[in-house]
Protein backbone atom coordinates (compact mmCIF):
# COMPACT_ATOMS: atom_id res chain seq x y z
CA MET A 1 31.51 166.18 203.43
CA LYS A 2 35.23 167.04 203.67
CA LEU A 3 35.68 164.21 206.18
CA ILE A 4 34.08 161.72 203.74
CA ASN A 5 36.34 162.96 200.89
CA LYS A 6 39.42 162.63 203.09
CA PHE A 7 38.33 159.09 203.99
CA ILE A 8 37.87 158.21 200.29
CA ASP A 9 41.25 159.70 199.48
CA LEU A 10 42.79 157.61 202.26
CA LEU A 11 41.22 154.48 200.86
CA ASN A 12 42.58 155.27 197.36
CA TYR A 13 46.06 156.18 198.63
CA ASP A 14 48.62 154.22 196.61
CA PHE A 15 51.56 152.44 198.08
CA THR A 16 53.94 150.13 196.18
CA ILE A 17 55.48 146.78 197.25
CA GLY A 18 57.87 145.54 194.56
CA SER A 19 56.07 145.73 191.22
CA ALA A 20 52.62 145.71 192.80
CA THR A 21 50.58 148.79 193.72
CA PHE A 22 48.19 148.55 196.66
CA THR A 23 45.56 150.81 198.25
CA PRO A 24 43.85 150.52 201.61
CA LYS A 25 40.65 149.80 199.68
CA THR A 26 42.33 146.83 197.99
CA VAL A 27 43.51 145.45 201.34
CA LEU A 28 39.97 145.72 202.72
CA ILE A 29 38.52 143.97 199.67
CA VAL A 30 41.13 141.11 200.11
CA ILE A 31 40.19 140.77 203.77
CA LEU A 32 36.50 140.76 202.88
CA VAL A 33 37.01 138.15 200.14
CA PHE A 34 38.89 135.88 202.57
CA LEU A 35 36.21 136.27 205.27
CA LEU A 36 33.44 135.54 202.70
CA THR A 37 35.35 132.47 201.37
CA SER A 38 35.86 131.22 204.92
CA PHE A 39 32.13 131.75 205.74
CA MET A 40 31.00 129.94 202.57
CA LEU A 41 33.32 126.98 203.24
CA LYS A 42 32.00 126.64 206.78
CA ILE A 43 28.41 126.65 205.52
CA LEU A 44 29.30 124.06 202.86
CA ARG A 45 30.99 121.87 205.49
CA LYS A 46 27.95 122.03 207.79
CA ILE A 47 25.61 121.13 204.96
CA ILE A 48 27.73 118.11 203.89
CA PHE A 49 28.46 116.96 207.43
CA ARG A 50 24.77 117.14 208.32
CA THR A 51 24.08 114.25 205.90
CA LEU A 52 26.95 112.01 207.09
CA ALA A 53 27.28 109.60 209.94
CA LYS A 54 29.71 110.40 212.78
CA ASP A 55 32.39 107.93 211.63
CA THR A 56 32.08 109.17 208.06
CA ARG A 57 32.64 112.82 209.15
CA ILE A 58 36.01 111.84 210.60
CA LYS A 59 37.08 110.35 207.26
CA PHE A 60 35.89 113.51 205.49
CA LYS A 61 37.94 115.90 207.63
CA SER A 62 41.27 115.32 205.86
CA ILE A 63 39.76 115.59 202.35
CA PHE A 64 37.83 118.74 203.32
CA SER A 65 41.03 120.34 204.69
CA PHE A 66 42.70 119.64 201.35
CA ILE A 67 39.76 121.28 199.53
CA ASN A 68 40.03 124.32 201.86
CA TYR A 69 43.69 124.81 201.08
CA PHE A 70 43.10 124.41 197.36
CA ILE A 71 40.33 126.94 197.32
CA TYR A 72 42.34 129.50 199.37
CA ILE A 73 45.30 129.19 196.95
CA VAL A 74 42.99 129.78 193.96
CA VAL A 75 41.50 132.81 195.68
CA ILE A 76 44.93 134.23 196.48
CA LEU A 77 46.04 133.85 192.84
CA ILE A 78 42.88 135.54 191.51
CA ILE A 79 43.27 138.41 194.01
CA LEU A 80 46.95 138.90 193.05
CA GLN A 81 46.03 138.97 189.39
CA ASN A 82 43.29 141.60 190.00
CA ILE A 83 45.56 143.93 191.92
CA GLY A 84 48.15 143.98 189.19
CA VAL A 85 50.60 141.26 190.13
CA ASP A 86 51.67 139.21 187.11
CA VAL A 87 50.76 135.63 188.00
CA THR A 88 50.75 134.29 184.42
CA ALA A 89 53.88 132.27 185.03
CA ILE A 90 52.42 130.86 188.26
CA PHE A 91 49.16 129.85 186.50
CA ALA A 92 51.13 128.24 183.65
CA ALA A 93 53.35 126.35 186.03
CA SER A 94 50.39 125.31 188.16
CA ALA A 95 48.47 124.06 185.16
CA ALA A 96 51.36 122.02 183.98
CA LEU A 97 51.94 120.64 187.43
CA LEU A 98 48.24 119.70 187.85
CA VAL A 99 48.16 117.95 184.51
CA GLY A 100 51.30 115.96 185.40
CA VAL A 101 50.08 115.08 188.87
CA GLY A 102 46.59 114.27 187.51
CA LEU A 103 47.97 111.76 184.97
CA ALA A 104 50.30 110.17 187.57
CA LEU A 105 47.59 109.95 190.21
CA GLN A 106 44.63 109.21 187.91
CA THR A 107 43.63 105.94 189.61
CA PHE A 108 44.31 107.34 193.02
CA ILE A 109 42.03 110.30 192.38
CA GLN A 110 39.35 108.00 191.00
CA ASP A 111 39.51 105.95 194.22
CA ILE A 112 39.15 109.10 196.33
CA ILE A 113 36.17 110.43 194.38
CA SER A 114 34.55 106.99 194.42
CA GLY A 115 35.10 106.76 198.16
CA ILE A 116 33.33 110.13 198.64
CA PHE A 117 30.38 108.93 196.56
CA ILE A 118 30.19 105.70 198.51
CA LEU A 119 30.18 107.51 201.86
CA ILE A 120 27.56 110.06 200.73
CA ASP A 121 25.36 107.61 198.74
CA LYS A 122 25.70 104.82 201.39
CA SER A 123 25.42 102.22 198.63
CA VAL A 124 27.85 100.11 200.70
CA LEU A 125 27.86 100.04 204.47
CA VAL A 126 29.98 98.30 207.11
CA GLY A 127 28.56 94.81 207.67
CA ASP A 128 27.20 94.46 204.11
CA ILE A 129 28.01 91.33 202.18
CA ILE A 130 29.12 92.30 198.67
CA GLN A 131 30.31 90.63 195.50
CA VAL A 132 32.67 92.46 193.16
CA ASP A 133 34.50 90.82 190.23
CA GLY A 134 33.49 87.43 191.52
CA GLN A 135 34.92 88.09 194.99
CA ILE A 136 32.60 87.82 197.98
CA GLY A 137 33.33 89.47 201.34
CA GLN A 138 31.75 91.17 204.37
CA VAL A 139 32.64 94.84 204.56
CA GLU A 140 34.67 95.74 207.66
CA ASN A 141 35.97 99.19 206.88
CA ILE A 142 35.37 101.87 204.27
CA LYS A 143 38.08 104.41 203.71
CA LEU A 144 38.46 107.20 201.19
CA ARG A 145 40.72 105.17 198.86
CA THR A 146 39.95 101.53 199.64
CA THR A 147 37.27 99.28 201.16
CA ARG A 148 38.29 96.28 203.25
CA ALA A 149 36.20 93.12 203.36
CA VAL A 150 36.69 89.61 204.90
CA THR A 151 36.06 86.67 202.63
CA ARG A 152 34.49 83.33 203.62
CA GLU A 153 38.04 82.00 203.91
CA ASN A 154 38.87 84.71 206.49
CA LYS A 155 41.14 86.51 204.05
CA VAL A 156 41.21 90.31 203.88
CA LEU A 157 39.97 91.65 200.53
CA ILE A 158 41.25 95.14 199.78
CA ILE A 159 39.07 96.72 197.07
CA PRO A 160 40.06 99.96 195.37
CA ASN A 161 36.95 102.21 195.60
CA HIS A 162 36.83 102.89 191.84
CA LYS A 163 35.84 99.25 191.40
CA PHE A 164 32.43 100.11 192.80
CA LEU A 165 31.84 102.55 189.91
CA THR A 166 33.48 100.59 187.07
CA SER A 167 32.35 97.09 187.96
CA ILE A 168 29.00 95.45 188.64
CA LEU A 169 28.39 95.39 192.39
CA PHE A 170 26.16 92.84 194.12
CA ASN A 171 25.07 93.91 197.60
CA TRP A 172 23.61 90.79 199.07
CA THR A 173 22.29 92.39 202.24
CA GLU A 174 20.99 95.82 201.12
CA ASN A 175 17.40 94.49 201.04
CA GLY A 176 17.87 92.62 204.35
CA ILE A 177 19.84 89.65 205.63
CA ILE A 178 17.59 87.03 204.07
CA THR A 179 18.75 85.70 200.70
CA LYS A 180 17.45 82.96 198.41
CA GLU A 181 19.96 80.27 197.45
CA ILE A 182 19.74 77.62 194.70
CA VAL A 183 20.85 74.02 194.72
CA GLU A 184 20.70 72.38 191.30
CA ILE A 185 20.36 68.67 190.82
CA GLY A 186 19.99 66.37 187.84
CA VAL A 187 18.22 62.96 187.93
CA ALA A 188 17.70 60.16 185.42
CA TYR A 189 14.80 60.48 182.90
CA LYS A 190 13.14 57.40 184.42
CA SER A 191 12.64 59.31 187.72
CA ASP A 192 9.25 60.50 188.92
CA PRO A 193 9.30 64.35 188.92
CA LYS A 194 6.64 64.52 191.74
CA GLN A 195 8.69 62.24 193.94
CA ILE A 196 11.84 64.33 193.34
CA LYS A 197 9.95 67.49 194.26
CA SER A 198 8.57 65.89 197.43
CA LEU A 199 12.00 64.57 198.53
CA LEU A 200 13.78 67.86 197.85
CA LEU A 201 11.20 69.86 199.89
CA GLU A 202 11.43 67.40 202.78
CA ILE A 203 15.25 67.63 202.81
CA ALA A 204 15.13 71.44 202.74
CA LYS A 205 12.60 71.67 205.54
CA SER A 206 14.64 69.32 207.79
CA HIS A 207 17.74 71.57 207.69
CA GLU A 208 17.88 73.79 210.79
CA LYS A 209 19.26 76.85 208.91
CA VAL A 210 16.77 76.80 206.13
CA LEU A 211 13.92 79.28 206.85
CA SER A 212 10.30 78.24 206.76
CA ASN A 213 9.26 81.70 205.67
CA PRO A 214 9.74 82.15 202.74
CA ALA A 215 9.18 78.42 202.27
CA PRO A 216 11.47 76.26 200.18
CA SER A 217 10.35 75.59 196.63
CA VAL A 218 11.29 73.34 193.70
CA LEU A 219 11.51 74.33 190.06
CA PHE A 220 11.56 71.78 187.21
CA ASP A 221 14.16 73.72 185.28
CA ASP A 222 14.94 71.86 182.09
CA PHE A 223 15.20 68.65 180.10
CA GLY A 224 18.97 68.24 180.11
CA GLU A 225 21.12 66.30 177.66
CA SER A 226 21.28 63.29 180.00
CA ALA A 227 19.14 64.31 183.00
CA LEU A 228 16.02 66.08 184.31
CA ILE A 229 17.19 69.29 185.87
CA PHE A 230 15.61 70.46 189.09
CA GLN A 231 16.44 73.56 191.22
CA LEU A 232 15.83 73.68 194.95
CA TYR A 233 15.26 77.23 196.27
CA VAL A 234 15.91 77.82 199.98
CA SER A 235 16.06 80.99 202.09
CA VAL A 236 18.69 81.60 204.74
CA ASP A 237 19.43 84.46 207.06
CA SER A 238 23.21 84.16 206.92
CA SER A 239 24.15 84.53 203.26
CA PHE A 240 27.83 84.71 204.17
CA SER A 241 27.72 81.01 205.18
CA ALA A 242 25.08 79.98 202.62
CA ASN A 243 27.72 77.80 200.81
CA LEU A 244 27.91 75.60 203.90
CA VAL A 245 24.14 75.21 203.98
CA LYS A 246 24.09 74.26 200.29
CA SER A 247 26.94 71.75 200.92
CA ASP A 248 24.88 70.13 203.73
CA LEU A 249 21.87 69.91 201.43
CA ARG A 250 23.89 68.28 198.65
CA PHE A 251 25.23 65.69 201.14
CA THR A 252 21.73 64.86 202.30
CA ILE A 253 20.30 64.81 198.73
CA PHE A 254 22.99 62.31 197.69
CA GLN A 255 22.29 60.08 200.62
CA VAL A 256 18.48 60.17 200.31
CA PHE A 257 18.54 59.65 196.54
CA GLU A 258 20.87 56.71 196.91
CA LYS A 259 18.60 55.18 199.50
CA GLU A 260 15.53 55.71 197.33
CA GLY A 261 17.28 54.26 194.26
CA ILE A 262 17.19 57.60 192.36
CA GLU A 263 19.95 57.79 189.81
CA ILE A 264 22.02 60.92 189.48
CA PRO A 265 23.34 60.49 185.89
CA PHE A 266 26.47 61.86 184.35
CA PRO A 267 27.34 62.38 180.65
CA GLN A 268 28.70 59.28 178.98
CA ARG A 269 30.33 58.84 175.58
CA SER A 270 30.67 55.62 173.58
CA LEU A 271 33.67 55.25 171.32
CA THR A 272 33.59 52.83 168.44
CA PHE A 273 36.88 51.73 166.86
CA THR A 274 36.82 50.24 163.35
CA ASN A 275 39.62 48.68 161.47
CA LEU A 276 40.24 50.53 158.28
CA PRO A 277 41.21 48.38 155.25
CA THR A 278 44.85 48.55 154.41
CA SER A 279 45.93 48.85 150.87
């Protein structure tokens, strides 16, 4: 019993460093808190990394190291405050600094957070063909702050990651590589709709890059102001070059329609000039 009392007295023995008073018990608690924090961070890291691909884990290492340092600093400040060290000035300065840094790096932080969501959610993957703000590109690299894609013109498109959260994103290849494309054509009102449909389907089926399954189809879309509007639907397995396929189809449609005597009209205006009487 005496030994236990002596051990308790030893744990509660006070020693002072500057304005702070410590006990062996306090030191042990600090060590225990650090060990527990380290253990929890390691478990959290394993849980997060388990859901990520190998290349994504490499990108997460730097951001996770930053989170570790931030948490350790917060833990140190809380411990110092609980053992009697006045850290009010430090908290006030830190809060002011964080507010200033947060305002200055608002967009940067948004990009980082968006990048984390993209990597975890996997809404965009390397190789996907995407459309953001009217720009189309094939994703080549996803980083924490930016995503790099190559356009049809072989230009590098650098997209800030927050764009994926604030703008409408079209992922052309998330459901597979096959996409359905539309070629719109207007013909004169005297044209035979059944003949137009037959010719358009024949043209589509003759193109080597147009898939037979799903089969091409034709939609009688509307009665236009000066033309009957038809839409030719075709399926391709290379949506990144679909504009070239549609260009080929338009060339062939123009040639076939001209050969068959089918008129492709255009809006016309008649102007009538009258002589106003002069006084």
